[in-house]
Amino acid sequence: MTYYQNITFEKIEVIAYFKELEIQIMKFRWKNTVYKVSKIPNQWKIKDGEDSKTHFSVICEKENIIAELCYHHKDFKWELIQWDNL
């Protein structure tokens, strides 16, 4: 289990594609830096009232970080939940 050191809950921009109900994240922008996602080792869905959210653990090897991203299905927004250095 990974324990993140930096909890943030900040809105981010994401480049992803949707294929047969699966979301594949390519890149995300946070604080004017673009992070290329090299691996998505885990994802899980949480029901939150009328909204449902999909959380992703992502690894960005080039930028040397691991992060948890959240996609809000109701309003199509993305959020960086937490991150840490690899």
Protein backbone atom coordinates (compact mmCIF):
# COMPACT_ATOMS: atom_id res chain seq x y z
CA MET A 1 0.00 0.00 0.00
CA THR A 2 1.25 3.48 -0.88
CA TYR A 3 1.06 6.30 1.62
CA TYR A 4 1.03 9.71 0.00
CA GLN A 5 2.71 12.64 1.72
CA ASN A 6 0.97 15.48 -0.10
CA ILE A 7 -2.82 15.82 -0.02
CA THR A 8 -4.13 18.60 -2.24
CA PHE A 9 -7.71 18.23 -3.69
CA GLU A 10 -6.98 20.61 -6.60
CA LYS A 11 -8.72 20.85 -9.96
CA ILE A 12 -6.60 19.68 -12.89
CA GLU A 13 -6.85 19.35 -16.68
CA VAL A 14 -6.61 15.83 -18.11
CA ILE A 15 -6.07 14.37 -21.56
CA ALA A 16 -7.73 10.96 -21.65
CA TYR A 17 -9.61 8.75 -24.02
CA PHE A 18 -12.65 6.65 -23.35
CA LYS A 19 -12.86 3.18 -24.90
CA GLU A 20 -15.72 0.78 -24.16
CA LEU A 21 -16.50 2.36 -20.75
CA GLU A 22 -12.81 2.45 -19.74
CA ILE A 23 -10.89 5.66 -19.14
CA GLN A 24 -7.26 5.75 -20.24
CA ILE A 25 -5.37 8.77 -18.89
CA MET A 26 -2.55 10.05 -21.09
CA LYS A 27 -1.47 13.30 -19.38
CA PHE A 28 -2.58 15.82 -16.83
CA ARG A 29 -1.70 19.46 -16.15
CA TRP A 30 -1.24 20.73 -12.61
CA LYS A 31 0.26 24.10 -11.67
CA ASN A 32 1.37 24.74 -15.29
CA THR A 33 3.32 21.47 -15.49
CA VAL A 34 2.28 18.60 -17.74
CA TYR A 35 2.71 15.09 -16.32
CA LYS A 36 2.80 12.13 -18.71
CA VAL A 37 1.14 9.06 -17.22
CA SER A 38 3.24 5.95 -17.79
CA LYS A 39 1.22 3.47 -15.68
CA ILE A 40 -2.21 3.18 -14.09
CA PRO A 41 -1.72 0.41 -11.53
CA ASN A 42 -5.10 0.76 -9.85
CA GLN A 43 -8.55 2.31 -10.21
CA TRP A 44 -11.76 2.15 -8.19
CA LYS A 45 -15.25 3.64 -8.31
CA ILE A 46 -17.06 5.33 -5.41
CA LYS A 47 -20.74 6.25 -5.31
CA ASP A 48 -21.27 9.69 -3.72
CA GLY A 49 -24.99 10.47 -3.57
CA GLU A 50 -26.10 11.09 -7.14
CA ASP A 51 -22.51 11.41 -8.32
CA SER A 52 -20.13 8.60 -8.99
CA LYS A 53 -16.38 9.11 -8.97
CA THR A 54 -13.59 7.02 -10.42
CA HIS A 55 -10.23 7.25 -8.66
CA PHE A 56 -6.96 6.34 -10.37
CA SER A 57 -3.49 5.70 -9.02
CA VAL A 58 -1.13 6.94 -11.72
CA ILE A 59 2.63 6.79 -12.08
CA CYS A 60 4.52 9.46 -14.01
CA GLU A 61 8.01 7.98 -14.32
CA LYS A 62 9.63 10.91 -16.16
CA GLU A 63 8.41 13.40 -13.53
CA ASN A 64 9.13 10.90 -10.72
CA ILE A 65 5.71 11.08 -9.03
CA ILE A 66 2.81 8.85 -8.07
CA ALA A 67 -0.61 10.47 -7.78
CA GLU A 68 -4.26 9.80 -7.10
CA LEU A 69 -6.61 11.42 -9.61
CA CYS A 70 -10.40 11.55 -9.36
CA TYR A 71 -12.92 11.85 -12.20
CA HIS A 72 -16.36 13.21 -11.26
CA HIS A 73 -18.87 11.59 -13.64
CA LYS A 74 -21.69 14.05 -12.86
CA ASP A 75 -19.88 17.22 -13.94
CA PHE A 76 -16.99 15.71 -15.98
CA LYS A 77 -14.33 17.36 -13.80
CA TRP A 78 -10.96 16.05 -12.69
CA GLU A 79 -9.20 16.53 -9.37
CA LEU A 80 -5.74 15.75 -8.03
CA ILE A 81 -6.38 14.16 -4.64
CA GLN A 82 -2.86 13.43 -3.47
CA TRP A 83 0.66 12.84 -4.76
CA ASP A 84 4.15 11.84 -3.69
CA ASN A 85 7.61 11.34 -5.16
CA LEU A 86 8.52 7.86 -6.34
